[in-house]
Amino acid sequence: MSTETVKRFDRIVALLVQLQSKRIVKAQELADRFEVSLRTIYRDVRTLEACGVPIVSEAGVGYSIMEGYRLPPVMFTKEEASSFVAAEKFMRQFLDKTLGDYHESAMYKIKSVLRGNEKDWINALESHITVAPTDDLFNSALPDALEILFESIAEKKQVFLKYQSLESETPSERHIEPVGLFHENGFWYFMAYCHKRRAYRQFRTDRMLGIARTLQHFTREHASLDTYRTSWDADEMMTIKIRVDKKVARFMQSSRKQYGFVHETVLKDAVEMTFSTCDFHQGFPRWYLSFSDYCTILQPQSVKDRVQQIMKEGLERLR
């Protein structure tokens, strides 16, 4: 049997597994995952149909498997089994307690179908992998925050939110319609339509003081999360340019991305970096200060003024 035949067999089996993972799967989605042409996907689907798999296809929509059909339990390789260990360690740090418990339960079910040698492989790794905790991503008094937000998005029900923003001294109470969640710069955020502000707002999960389900339905149809993040960023973004001594620039590479790094231009003795960020009042200036004896702000003047203000206030506290 040729190597190409084996690859095709593996792809067709993986394709069948993916078809069972969702109600409808688009051909382009399959082509992107397996890095093949649409024509190849069409041929693989016809092969599955010839083998008796009841696939329903609809032009312009996608493929689905007839309700009730299921592939027998799938066996995992030891390398795939190894990924479960890393996933479980990471998920415990990045999910709230309730979803973390659900994930643990799901992992037990997955492990239950492993062969004996694969279980031994996992057991040998589990005590040798640790993920150090990051900053608190959730209020410990809200163990089911993510579950409520997920449920709200799926069922299109509003939630009640008690929230402590960075700018306000007292928390606010509001009804929101969550659009989506994203993890960025070490924190969980979610975008939602806020009835109090009558506008879309971005919230950070660790600043939530209370959250509760309601019976009130969404009042509007919301677009995808990316749509609102793009428009939000466009409205709030500021372009910043700095020049950094070349001997120090490499030490900034590990952290600059979270402050909106876009690109750099390497000069003879320096590196010019361009950033696009909405955190130009707090985050970026304070990060810049940690390298300020080797950096120069080229533009804009407002960021220079903000850095000078922070430095002045810091000097006054040293007196």
Protein backbone atom coordinates (compact mmCIF):
# COMPACT_ATOMS: atom_id res chain seq x y z
CA MET A 1 0.00 0.00 0.00
CA SER A 2 1.45 3.37 -1.00
CA THR A 3 2.10 6.23 1.43
CA GLU A 4 -0.40 8.38 -0.48
CA THR A 5 -3.10 5.72 -0.03
CA VAL A 6 -2.47 5.61 3.73
CA LYS A 7 -2.65 9.41 3.95
CA ARG A 8 -5.94 9.43 2.06
CA PHE A 9 -7.37 6.71 4.30
CA ASP A 10 -6.38 8.65 7.43
CA ARG A 11 -7.89 11.84 6.00
CA ILE A 12 -11.19 10.16 5.14
CA VAL A 13 -11.48 8.71 8.65
CA ALA A 14 -10.67 12.13 10.17
CA LEU A 15 -13.19 13.73 7.81
CA LEU A 16 -15.90 11.34 9.05
CA VAL A 17 -15.07 12.19 12.67
CA GLN A 18 -15.35 15.92 11.90
CA LEU A 19 -18.68 15.43 10.15
CA GLN A 20 -19.98 13.90 13.37
CA SER A 21 -18.67 16.78 15.48
CA LYS A 22 -21.10 19.40 14.11
CA ARG A 23 -24.62 19.48 12.72
CA ILE A 24 -23.43 21.01 9.42
CA VAL A 25 -19.86 21.23 8.10
CA LYS A 26 -18.94 23.30 5.03
CA ALA A 27 -16.74 21.83 2.33
CA GLN A 28 -14.36 24.80 2.54
CA GLU A 29 -13.97 24.20 6.28
CA LEU A 30 -12.88 20.62 5.56
CA ALA A 31 -10.55 21.70 2.77
CA ASP A 32 -8.88 24.27 5.05
CA ARG A 33 -8.39 21.78 7.86
CA PHE A 34 -6.84 19.05 5.70
CA GLU A 35 -5.06 21.51 3.39
CA VAL A 36 -6.47 19.99 0.22
CA SER A 37 -8.61 21.28 -2.63
CA LEU A 38 -12.39 21.35 -2.64
CA ARG A 39 -12.27 18.82 -5.45
CA THR A 40 -10.43 16.40 -3.15
CA ILE A 41 -13.05 16.88 -0.43
CA TYR A 42 -15.86 16.18 -2.90
CA ARG A 43 -14.09 12.96 -3.92
CA ASP A 44 -13.57 11.88 -0.28
CA VAL A 45 -17.22 12.52 0.54
CA ARG A 46 -18.29 10.37 -2.42
CA THR A 47 -16.01 7.61 -1.06
CA LEU A 48 -17.76 7.74 2.32
CA GLU A 49 -21.14 7.62 0.62
CA ALA A 50 -20.03 4.58 -1.38
CA CYS A 51 -19.09 2.89 1.91
CA GLY A 52 -22.63 3.35 3.21
CA VAL A 53 -22.23 6.50 5.33
CA PRO A 54 -25.53 8.43 5.03
CA ILE A 55 -24.29 11.92 4.19
CA VAL A 56 -26.78 14.66 3.38
CA SER A 57 -25.46 17.50 1.23
CA GLU A 58 -27.07 20.78 0.31
CA ALA A 59 -25.52 23.19 -2.18
CA GLY A 60 -24.32 26.37 -0.53
CA VAL A 61 -24.95 25.03 2.98
CA GLY A 62 -22.69 22.05 3.64
CA TYR A 63 -22.64 18.41 4.68
CA SER A 64 -24.38 16.65 7.53
CA ILE A 65 -24.74 13.03 8.61
CA MET A 66 -28.21 11.56 8.88
CA GLU A 67 -29.51 11.69 12.46
CA GLY A 68 -28.87 8.49 14.38
CA TYR A 69 -25.73 7.41 12.52
CA ARG A 70 -22.59 7.18 14.67
CA LEU A 71 -19.06 5.94 14.10
CA PRO A 72 -17.97 3.23 16.59
CA PRO A 73 -15.69 4.45 19.43
CA VAL A 74 -12.51 6.05 18.09
CA MET A 75 -9.11 4.85 19.27
CA PHE A 76 -6.44 7.44 19.99
CA THR A 77 -2.70 7.28 19.38
CA LYS A 78 -0.45 7.78 22.39
CA GLU A 79 0.60 11.15 20.93
CA GLU A 80 -3.04 12.26 20.79
CA ALA A 81 -3.51 10.94 24.31
CA SER A 82 -0.55 13.05 25.45
CA SER A 83 -2.32 16.17 24.25
CA PHE A 84 -5.14 15.44 26.73
CA VAL A 85 -2.73 15.88 29.62
CA ALA A 86 -1.62 19.33 28.45
CA ALA A 87 -5.22 20.33 27.66
CA GLU A 88 -6.43 19.35 31.11
CA LYS A 89 -3.62 21.25 32.85
CA PHE A 90 -4.26 24.39 30.81
CA MET A 91 -8.03 24.31 31.08
CA ARG A 92 -7.89 24.20 34.87
CA GLN A 93 -6.07 27.54 34.80
CA PHE A 94 -8.09 29.26 32.07
CA LEU A 95 -11.67 28.24 32.97
CA ASP A 96 -13.83 29.15 35.93
CA LYS A 97 -14.64 26.45 38.48
CA THR A 98 -17.90 25.20 36.93
CA LEU A 99 -16.59 24.84 33.36
CA GLY A 100 -13.37 23.42 34.78
CA ASP A 101 -15.39 20.68 36.49
CA TYR A 102 -17.27 19.98 33.25
CA HIS A 103 -14.00 19.72 31.36
CA GLU A 104 -12.60 17.32 33.94
CA SER A 105 -15.71 15.15 33.61
CA ALA A 106 -15.38 15.15 29.82
CA MET A 107 -11.72 14.17 30.09
CA TYR A 108 -12.62 11.16 32.24
CA LYS A 109 -15.00 10.00 29.50
CA ILE A 110 -12.34 10.43 26.83
CA LYS A 111 -9.76 8.57 28.93
CA SER A 112 -12.22 5.74 29.49
CA VAL A 113 -12.01 4.69 25.82
CA LEU A 114 -8.22 4.60 25.74
CA ARG A 115 -6.36 1.34 25.44
CA GLY A 116 -4.33 0.13 28.41
CA ASN A 117 -0.93 1.26 27.09
CA GLU A 118 -2.32 4.72 26.29
CA LYS A 119 -3.69 5.04 29.84
CA ASP A 120 -0.26 4.09 31.20
CA TRP A 121 1.29 6.73 28.91
CA ILE A 122 -1.01 9.43 30.34
CA ASN A 123 -0.45 8.34 33.95
CA ALA A 124 3.30 8.57 33.44
CA LEU A 125 3.00 12.18 32.22
CA GLU A 126 0.34 13.69 34.47
CA SER A 127 2.50 14.21 37.56
CA HIS A 128 5.34 15.68 35.49
CA ILE A 129 3.47 18.56 33.84
CA THR A 130 2.48 21.71 35.70
CA VAL A 131 0.93 24.94 34.47
CA ALA A 132 1.69 27.79 36.86
CA PRO A 133 -1.38 29.90 37.71
CA THR A 134 -1.67 33.30 36.07
CA ASP A 135 -3.49 36.33 37.48
CA ASP A 136 -6.99 35.61 38.76
CA LEU A 137 -9.18 35.46 35.66
CA PHE A 138 -12.48 35.23 37.56
CA ASN A 139 -14.03 36.38 40.81
CA SER A 140 -13.95 33.29 43.06
CA ALA A 141 -17.46 34.20 44.26
CA LEU A 142 -18.73 33.64 40.68
CA PRO A 143 -17.81 30.00 39.95
CA ASP A 144 -20.23 29.72 37.01
CA ALA A 145 -19.57 33.03 35.24
CA LEU A 146 -18.47 31.50 31.92
CA GLU A 147 -21.29 28.96 31.97
CA ILE A 148 -23.87 31.74 32.33
CA LEU A 149 -22.29 33.76 29.51
CA PHE A 150 -22.13 30.72 27.20
CA GLU A 151 -25.74 29.87 28.00
CA SER A 152 -26.82 33.46 27.37
CA ILE A 153 -25.21 33.52 23.92
CA ALA A 154 -26.67 30.14 22.93
CA GLU A 155 -30.20 30.81 24.26
CA LYS A 156 -30.25 34.55 23.43
CA LYS A 157 -31.24 35.53 26.98
CA GLN A 158 -30.07 38.69 28.72
CA VAL A 159 -27.98 38.52 31.88
CA PHE A 160 -27.77 40.83 34.87
CA LEU A 161 -24.25 42.10 35.52
CA LYS A 162 -22.68 43.89 38.46
CA TYR A 163 -19.39 45.30 37.23
CA GLN A 164 -16.46 47.26 38.63
CA SER A 165 -14.81 49.27 35.88
CA LEU A 166 -11.30 50.64 36.22
CA GLU A 167 -12.44 54.26 35.92
CA SER A 168 -15.28 54.15 38.47
CA GLU A 169 -14.98 53.96 42.26
CA THR A 170 -18.35 52.23 42.67
CA PRO A 171 -19.69 49.19 40.77
CA SER A 172 -22.52 49.56 38.27
CA GLU A 173 -25.51 47.32 37.62
CA ARG A 174 -26.75 46.69 34.11
CA HIS A 175 -28.55 44.25 31.82
CA ILE A 176 -26.47 43.06 28.89
CA GLU A 177 -26.75 40.89 25.78
CA PRO A 178 -23.42 39.01 25.39
CA VAL A 179 -22.10 38.71 21.84
CA GLY A 180 -18.95 36.65 22.40
CA LEU A 181 -15.89 35.98 24.55
CA PHE A 182 -12.18 36.15 23.80
CA HIS A 183 -8.94 35.58 25.70
CA GLU A 184 -6.29 38.25 25.17
CA ASN A 185 -3.21 39.51 27.00
CA GLY A 186 -3.75 37.01 29.82
CA PHE A 187 -7.40 37.85 30.54
CA TRP A 188 -10.89 36.80 29.47
CA TYR A 189 -13.02 39.56 27.91
CA PHE A 190 -16.53 39.56 26.50
CA MET A 191 -18.33 41.93 24.17
CA ALA A 192 -21.95 42.71 24.94
CA TYR A 193 -24.74 45.14 24.15
CA CYS A 194 -25.32 47.17 27.31
CA HIS A 195 -28.88 48.41 27.86
CA LYS A 196 -27.69 51.00 30.37
CA ARG A 197 -25.28 52.61 27.90
CA ARG A 198 -27.34 51.68 24.84
CA ALA A 199 -24.17 50.66 23.08
CA TYR A 200 -21.75 47.76 22.72
CA ARG A 201 -19.19 47.54 25.49
CA GLN A 202 -16.20 45.35 26.32
CA PHE A 203 -15.96 43.80 29.81
CA ARG A 204 -13.22 41.89 31.67
CA THR A 205 -14.29 38.80 33.59
CA ASP A 206 -12.10 39.41 36.66
CA ARG A 207 -13.92 42.72 37.26
CA MET A 208 -17.35 41.07 37.45
CA LEU A 209 -18.80 41.27 40.96
CA GLY A 210 -22.11 39.59 40.16
CA ILE A 211 -23.85 37.82 37.29
CA ALA A 212 -27.26 36.20 37.05
CA ARG A 213 -29.53 34.66 34.42
CA THR A 214 -32.74 36.42 33.41
CA LEU A 215 -35.82 35.39 31.44
CA GLN A 216 -35.60 38.42 29.14
CA HIS A 217 -34.82 37.66 25.50
CA PHE A 218 -32.33 39.59 23.38
CA THR A 219 -33.86 42.72 21.89
CA ARG A 220 -31.79 42.63 18.72
CA GLU A 221 -29.87 40.41 16.33
CA HIS A 222 -26.11 40.61 16.91
CA ALA A 223 -23.40 40.11 14.31
CA SER A 224 -20.29 37.99 14.90
CA LEU A 225 -17.82 38.87 17.64
CA ASP A 226 -15.14 39.81 15.10
CA THR A 227 -17.46 42.42 13.61
CA TYR A 228 -17.74 44.33 16.88
CA ARG A 229 -14.10 43.87 17.88
CA THR A 230 -12.99 45.33 14.55
CA SER A 231 -15.27 48.36 14.83
CA TRP A 232 -14.43 48.78 18.52
CA ASP A 233 -10.71 48.74 17.81
CA ALA A 234 -11.03 51.14 14.90
CA ASP A 235 -12.80 53.70 17.09
CA GLU A 236 -10.41 53.44 20.03
CA MET A 237 -7.02 52.73 18.45
CA MET A 238 -4.02 55.06 18.53
CA THR A 239 -0.85 54.61 16.47
CA ILE A 240 2.36 55.04 18.47
CA LYS A 241 5.93 55.04 17.15
CA ILE A 242 9.06 54.68 19.26
CA ARG A 243 12.80 54.37 18.58
CA VAL A 244 14.70 51.84 20.68
CA ASP A 245 18.45 51.26 21.08
CA LYS A 246 19.28 48.12 19.14
CA LYS A 247 21.00 46.46 22.12
CA VAL A 248 17.74 46.63 24.12
CA ALA A 249 15.15 45.99 21.39
CA ARG A 250 15.43 42.20 21.63
CA PHE A 251 14.44 42.30 25.30
CA MET A 252 11.13 43.93 24.36
CA GLN A 253 10.08 41.21 21.90
CA SER A 254 8.45 38.91 24.45
CA SER A 255 6.06 41.56 25.79
CA ARG A 256 5.52 44.08 23.00
CA LYS A 257 2.77 42.13 21.24
CA GLN A 258 0.30 42.55 24.09
CA TYR A 259 0.73 46.33 23.81
CA GLY A 260 -0.25 46.41 20.15
CA PHE A 261 3.02 45.88 18.29
CA VAL A 262 2.48 46.06 14.51
CA HIS A 263 5.89 46.12 12.81
CA GLU A 264 9.48 47.33 13.13
CA THR A 265 12.15 48.95 10.97
CA VAL A 266 15.76 48.06 11.74
CA LEU A 267 18.17 51.02 11.47
CA LYS A 268 21.94 51.18 12.00
CA ASP A 269 21.96 51.57 15.79
CA ALA A 270 18.27 51.48 16.61
CA VAL A 271 14.93 49.83 15.89
CA GLU A 272 11.80 51.85 15.15
CA MET A 273 8.66 50.11 16.38
CA THR A 274 5.05 50.90 15.50
CA PHE A 275 2.16 50.06 17.82
CA SER A 276 -1.61 50.28 17.45
CA THR A 277 -3.37 50.18 20.79
CA CYS A 278 -6.45 51.34 22.64
CA ASP A 279 -4.59 51.14 25.97
CA PHE A 280 -2.61 54.32 25.39
CA HIS A 281 -3.50 55.96 28.71
CA GLN A 282 -2.39 53.27 31.17
CA GLY A 283 -0.94 50.05 29.79
CA PHE A 284 1.38 51.26 27.03
CA PRO A 285 2.90 54.25 28.88
CA ARG A 286 3.67 52.13 31.95
CA TRP A 287 5.23 49.39 29.83
CA TYR A 288 7.26 52.00 27.95
CA LEU A 289 8.59 53.40 31.23
CA SER A 290 10.30 50.10 32.04
CA PHE A 291 12.54 50.70 28.97
CA SER A 292 12.39 54.50 28.86
CA ASP A 293 16.13 55.07 29.41
CA TYR A 294 16.75 53.34 26.07
CA CYS A 295 13.71 54.56 24.12
CA THR A 296 12.35 57.69 22.48
CA ILE A 297 8.69 58.33 21.66
CA LEU A 298 8.47 59.65 18.11
CA GLN A 299 4.71 60.17 18.07
CA PRO A 300 2.12 61.15 19.21
CA GLN A 301 2.70 64.05 21.60
CA SER A 302 -0.21 62.95 23.80
CA VAL A 303 1.60 59.74 24.77
CA LYS A 304 4.77 61.73 25.55
CA ASP A 305 2.67 63.97 27.81
CA ARG A 306 1.12 60.96 29.57
CA VAL A 307 4.54 59.38 30.24
CA GLN A 308 5.81 62.68 31.64
CA GLN A 309 2.75 62.92 33.88
CA ILE A 310 3.34 59.44 35.30
CA MET A 311 7.03 60.19 35.86
CA LYS A 312 6.24 63.47 37.59
CA GLU A 313 3.75 61.85 39.94
CA GLY A 314 6.24 59.08 40.67
CA LEU A 315 9.00 61.57 41.51
CA GLU A 316 6.71 63.42 43.89
CA ARG A 317 6.12 60.20 45.81
CA LEU A 318 9.87 59.75 46.24
CA ARG A 319 10.28 63.04 48.11
